[in-house]
C-alpha atoms as a PDB file:
ATOM      1  CA  MET A   1     -44.526  -2.748  48.524  1.00  0.00           C
ATOM      2  CA  LYS A   2     -46.493  -3.662  51.817  1.00  0.00           C
ATOM      3  CA  CYS A   3     -48.731  -1.294  53.196  1.00  0.00           C
ATOM      4  CA  PRO A   4     -47.597  -0.183  56.908  1.00  0.00           C
ATOM      5  CA  TYR A   5     -51.213  -0.136  58.073  1.00  0.00           C
ATOM      6  CA  CYS A   6     -52.695  -3.410  56.800  1.00  0.00           C
ATOM      7  CA  SER A   7     -50.033  -5.571  55.478  1.00  0.00           C
ATOM      8  CA  SER A   8     -51.662  -5.928  51.850  1.00  0.00           C
ATOM      9  CA  ASP A   9     -48.979  -5.813  49.161  1.00  0.00           C
ATOM     10  CA  ASN A  10     -51.865  -4.116  46.358  1.00  0.00           C
ATOM     11  CA  ASP A  11     -50.637  -0.525  46.114  1.00  0.00           C
ATOM     12  CA  ALA A  12     -50.552   1.969  43.225  1.00  0.00           C
ATOM     13  CA  VAL A  13     -47.855   5.085  43.207  1.00  0.00           C
ATOM     14  CA  ARG A  14     -49.865   8.178  43.344  1.00  0.00           C
ATOM     15  CA  ASP A  15     -46.885  10.600  42.741  1.00  0.00           C
ATOM     16  CA  SER A  16     -42.885  10.385  42.560  1.00  0.00           C
ATOM     17  CA  ARG A  17     -40.448  13.467  43.237  1.00  0.00           C
ATOM     18  CA  ILE A  18     -36.430  13.378  43.189  1.00  0.00           C
ATOM     19  CA  VAL A  19     -35.569  14.650  46.266  1.00  0.00           C
ATOM     20  CA  GLU A  20     -32.109  15.205  48.524  1.00  0.00           C
ATOM     21  CA  ASP A  21     -30.035  16.750  45.572  1.00  0.00           C
ATOM     22  CA  GLY A  22     -31.120  14.096  43.246  1.00  0.00           C
ATOM     23  CA  LYS A  23     -29.711  11.347  45.627  1.00  0.00           C
ATOM     24  CA  ALA A  24     -33.176   9.583  46.528  1.00  0.00           C
ATOM     25  CA  ILE A  25     -36.704   9.276  45.139  1.00  0.00           C
ATOM     26  CA  ARG A  26     -39.940  10.066  47.396  1.00  0.00           C
ATOM     27  CA  ARG A  27     -42.911   8.072  46.441  1.00  0.00           C
ATOM     28  CA  ARG A  28     -46.595   9.119  47.471  1.00  0.00           C
ATOM     29  CA  ARG A  29     -48.483   5.397  47.509  1.00  0.00           C
ATOM     30  CA  PHE A  30     -52.096   4.490  47.983  1.00  0.00           C
ATOM     31  CA  CYS A  31     -53.167   1.308  49.562  1.00  0.00           C
ATOM     32  CA  ASN A  32     -55.883  -0.359  47.425  1.00  0.00           C
ATOM     33  CA  HIS A  33     -56.938  -2.457  49.875  1.00  0.00           C
ATOM     34  CA  CYS A  34     -57.106   0.111  52.877  1.00  0.00           C
ATOM     35  CA  ARG A  35     -57.467   3.025  51.094  1.00  0.00           C
ATOM     36  CA  ARG A  36     -54.892   4.728  53.403  1.00  0.00           C
ATOM     37  CA  ARG A  37     -51.471   6.986  52.011  1.00  0.00           C
ATOM     38  CA  PHE A  38     -48.171   6.236  52.822  1.00  0.00           C
ATOM     39  CA  THR A  39     -44.297   7.426  51.577  1.00  0.00           C
ATOM     40  CA  THR A  40     -41.808   5.110  50.861  1.00  0.00           C
ATOM     41  CA  TYR A  41     -37.788   6.457  49.480  1.00  0.00           C
ATOM     42  CA  GLU A  42     -35.852   4.850  47.107  1.00  0.00           C
ATOM     43  CA  ARG A  43     -31.721   5.704  47.865  1.00  0.00           C
ATOM     44  CA  VAL A  44     -28.880   3.651  46.473  1.00  0.00           C
ATOM     45  CA  GLU A  45     -27.627   1.507  49.077  1.00  0.00           C
ATOM     46  CA  GLY A  46     -24.461  -0.748  49.622  1.00  0.00           C
ATOM     47  CA  LEU A  47     -22.187   1.280  48.064  1.00  0.00           C
ATOM     48  CA  LEU A  48     -19.933   2.137  51.579  1.00  0.00           C
ATOM     49  CA  GLN A  49     -18.972  -0.056  53.965  1.00  0.00           C
ATOM     50  CA  VAL A  50     -18.674   0.960  57.857  1.00  0.00           C
ATOM     51  CA  VAL A  51     -16.176  -0.615  60.016  1.00  0.00           C
ATOM     52  CA  LYS A  52     -17.326  -1.343  63.230  1.00  0.00           C
ATOM     53  CA  ARG A  53     -15.707  -1.210  66.403  1.00  0.00           C
ATOM     54  CA  ASP A  54     -15.106  -5.155  66.259  1.00  0.00           C
ATOM     55  CA  GLY A  55     -13.712  -4.790  63.052  1.00  0.00           C
ATOM     56  CA  SER A  56     -16.440  -6.083  61.294  1.00  0.00           C
ATOM     57  CA  HIS A  57     -18.026  -4.509  58.192  1.00  0.00           C
ATOM     58  CA  GLN A  58     -21.694  -3.728  57.472  1.00  0.00           C
ATOM     59  CA  ASP A  59     -23.411  -1.683  54.470  1.00  0.00           C
ATOM     60  CA  PHE A  60     -23.775   2.246  55.450  1.00  0.00           C
ATOM     61  CA  SER A  61     -27.372   2.963  56.684  1.00  0.00           C
ATOM     62  CA  ARG A  62     -28.848   6.620  57.102  1.00  0.00           C
ATOM     63  CA  ALA A  63     -31.654   5.157  58.887  1.00  0.00           C
ATOM     64  CA  LYS A  64     -29.617   4.243  61.664  1.00  0.00           C
ATOM     65  CA  ILE A  65     -28.104   7.495  61.937  1.00  0.00           C
ATOM     66  CA  GLU A  66     -31.720   8.581  61.988  1.00  0.00           C
ATOM     67  CA  ARG A  67     -32.212   6.396  64.964  1.00  0.00           C
ATOM     68  CA  GLY A  68     -29.436   7.618  66.482  1.00  0.00           C
ATOM     69  CA  ILE A  69     -30.377  11.109  66.257  1.00  0.00           C
ATOM     70  CA  GLN A  70     -34.369  10.727  67.231  1.00  0.00           C
ATOM     71  CA  ALA A  71     -32.964   8.956  70.528  1.00  0.00           C
ATOM     72  CA  ALA A  72     -30.808  11.714  71.537  1.00  0.00           C
ATOM     73  CA  CYS A  73     -33.617  14.275  71.109  1.00  0.00           C
ATOM     74  CA  TRP A  74     -35.982  12.632  72.548  1.00  0.00           C
ATOM     75  CA  LYS A  75     -38.429  14.858  74.667  1.00  0.00           C
ATOM     76  CA  ARG A  76     -36.426  17.870  72.605  1.00  0.00           C
ATOM     77  CA  LYS A  77     -38.144  20.666  70.519  1.00  0.00           C
ATOM     78  CA  ILE A  78     -36.963  19.127  67.363  1.00  0.00           C
ATOM     79  CA  ASN A  79     -39.265  17.861  64.854  1.00  0.00           C
ATOM     80  CA  VAL A  80     -38.930  15.080  62.670  1.00  0.00           C
ATOM     81  CA  GLN A  81     -38.073  17.412  59.291  1.00  0.00           C
ATOM     82  CA  GLN A  82     -35.173  18.942  61.742  1.00  0.00           C
ATOM     83  CA  ILE A  83     -33.978  15.281  62.449  1.00  0.00           C
ATOM     84  CA  GLU A  84     -34.165  14.185  58.580  1.00  0.00           C
ATOM     85  CA  LYS A  85     -32.535  17.166  57.554  1.00  0.00           C
ATOM     86  CA  LEU A  86     -28.833  16.668  59.904  1.00  0.00           C
ATOM     87  CA  ALA A  87     -29.160  13.065  58.853  1.00  0.00           C
ATOM     88  CA  ALA A  88     -29.332  13.807  55.218  1.00  0.00           C
ATOM     89  CA  GLU A  89     -26.563  16.340  55.692  1.00  0.00           C
ATOM     90  CA  ILE A  90     -24.527  13.597  57.744  1.00  0.00           C
ATOM     91  CA  GLU A  91     -24.931  11.537  54.596  1.00  0.00           C
ATOM     92  CA  ALA A  92     -24.094  13.511  52.193  1.00  0.00           C
ATOM     93  CA  HIS A  93     -20.789  14.704  53.896  1.00  0.00           C
ATOM     94  CA  ILE A  94     -20.074  11.106  54.749  1.00  0.00           C
ATOM     95  CA  LEU A  95     -20.876   9.977  50.870  1.00  0.00           C
ATOM     96  CA  ASP A  96     -18.920  12.755  49.646  1.00  0.00           C
ATOM     97  CA  GLN A  97     -15.721  12.447  52.148  1.00  0.00           C
ATOM     98  CA  TYR A  98     -15.392   8.974  51.894  1.00  0.00           C
ATOM     99  CA  GLU A  99     -15.279   6.474  48.747  1.00  0.00           C
ATOM    100  CA  LYS A 100     -15.201   2.464  49.857  1.00  0.00           C
ATOM    101  CA  GLU A 101     -15.470   2.538  53.627  1.00  0.00           C
ATOM    102  CA  VAL A 102     -15.699   4.532  56.641  1.00  0.00           C
ATOM    103  CA  SER A 103     -15.222   3.952  60.317  1.00  0.00           C
ATOM    104  CA  SER A 104     -18.337   3.903  62.761  1.00  0.00           C
ATOM    105  CA  GLU A 105     -15.953   6.065  64.827  1.00  0.00           C
ATOM    106  CA  ASP A 106     -15.834   8.933  62.535  1.00  0.00           C
ATOM    107  CA  ILE A 107     -19.628   8.476  61.832  1.00  0.00           C
ATOM    108  CA  GLY A 108     -20.190   9.219  65.533  1.00  0.00           C
ATOM    109  CA  ASN A 109     -18.102  11.964  65.873  1.00  0.00           C
ATOM    110  CA  LEU A 110     -19.688  13.622  62.746  1.00  0.00           C
ATOM    111  CA  CYS A 111     -22.880  13.034  64.410  1.00  0.00           C
ATOM    112  CA  MET A 112     -21.977  14.789  67.565  1.00  0.00           C
ATOM    113  CA  GLU A 113     -20.493  17.832  65.768  1.00  0.00           C
ATOM    114  CA  TYR A 114     -24.073  18.152  64.057  1.00  0.00           C
ATOM    115  CA  LEU A 115     -25.593  17.475  67.076  1.00  0.00           C
ATOM    116  CA  ARG A 116     -23.536  20.157  69.331  1.00  0.00           C
ATOM    117  CA  GLU A 117     -24.863  22.978  66.889  1.00  0.00           C
ATOM    118  CA  LEU A 118     -28.505  21.526  66.785  1.00  0.00           C
ATOM    119  CA  ASP A 119     -29.082  20.639  70.664  1.00  0.00           C
ATOM    120  CA  GLN A 120     -26.590  20.589  73.166  1.00  0.00           C
ATOM    121  CA  VAL A 121     -28.411  18.423  75.375  1.00  0.00           C
ATOM    122  CA  ALA A 122     -28.976  15.739  72.544  1.00  0.00           C
ATOM    123  CA  PHE A 123     -25.386  16.098  71.757  1.00  0.00           C
ATOM    124  CA  VAL A 124     -24.694  15.542  75.554  1.00  0.00           C
ATOM    125  CA  ARG A 125     -27.141  12.542  75.327  1.00  0.00           C
ATOM    126  CA  PHE A 126     -25.976  10.613  71.916  1.00  0.00           C
ATOM    127  CA  ALA A 127     -21.999  11.376  73.163  1.00  0.00           C
ATOM    128  CA  SER A 128     -22.946   9.866  76.484  1.00  0.00           C
ATOM    129  CA  VAL A 129     -23.974   6.676  74.912  1.00  0.00           C
ATOM    130  CA  TYR A 130     -21.552   6.647  71.771  1.00  0.00           C
ATOM    131  CA  ARG A 131     -18.591   7.339  74.071  1.00  0.00           C
ATOM    132  CA  ARG A 132     -20.167   5.020  76.516  1.00  0.00           C
ATOM    133  CA  PHE A 133     -19.570   7.099  79.183  1.00  0.00           C
ATOM    134  CA  SER A 134     -19.060   5.302  82.730  1.00  0.00           C
ATOM    135  CA  ASP A 135     -18.911   7.999  85.252  1.00  0.00           C
ATOM    136  CA  ILE A 136     -19.843  11.594  85.963  1.00  0.00           C
ATOM    137  CA  GLN A 137     -16.604  12.850  85.257  1.00  0.00           C
ATOM    138  CA  ASP A 138     -16.970  11.543  81.600  1.00  0.00           C
ATOM    139  CA  PHE A 139     -19.858  13.634  80.999  1.00  0.00           C
ATOM    140  CA  VAL A 140     -17.863  16.759  83.012  1.00  0.00           C
ATOM    141  CA  GLU A 141     -15.043  16.163  80.299  1.00  0.00           C
ATOM    142  CA  GLU A 142     -17.539  16.449  77.442  1.00  0.00           C
ATOM    143  CA  LEU A 143     -19.508  19.356  78.602  1.00  0.00           C
ATOM    144  CA  ARG A 144     -15.752  21.200  79.335  1.00  0.00           C
ATOM    145  CA  PRO A 145     -15.555  22.833  76.150  1.00  0.00           C
ATOM    146  CA  ILE A 146     -19.275  23.563  75.663  1.00  0.00           C
ATOM    147  CA  LEU A 147     -19.062  25.409  79.333  1.00  0.00           C
ATOM    148  CA  LYS A 148     -16.322  27.543  78.514  1.00  0.00           C
ATOM    149  CA  GLY A 149     -17.920  29.361  75.611  1.00  0.00           C
ATOM    150  CA  GLY A 150     -17.188  26.736  72.684  1.00  0.00           C
ATOM    151  CA  GLY A 151     -21.008  25.749  71.913  1.00  0.00           C
ATOM    152  CA  LYS A 152     -24.608  26.748  70.535  1.00  0.00           C
ATOM    153  CA  ARG A 153     -25.399  30.173  72.344  1.00  0.00           C
ATOM    154  CA  ARG A 154     -29.018  30.446  73.470  1.00  0.00           C
ATOM    155  CA  GLU A 155     -31.617  32.752  71.970  1.00  0.00           C
END
């Protein structure tokens, strides 16, 4: 494993723990070159294929879900742990419901469903990119259910 700080491949594993209900292993590593610590996660990949809008297939990636959620949550009061937890819940739901293939549309809709509960602004940001809003009317249509009381209440 290359160190993310100095790119040396001389590291040692200091601690390993099972996380995410046994679906991943968290490893704390120590770089013997620059002496910094970093964390890696080991997960099973390639079991589920995502069918894209154009019909192409690719391996399911939780990291892509996290990146999309991070972009939607930019400058919101949502921390990294909340984003990671949300991505883990979405991944668990997908792996539980789908055996070999899942459409990117199903993944996007699931992300929107979870984001709607977490943060309405992040939800609208994600929806605007995912659904390719072309004008203000698209935003109004997406916001209509929230404005009628269908969304999360403010505390």
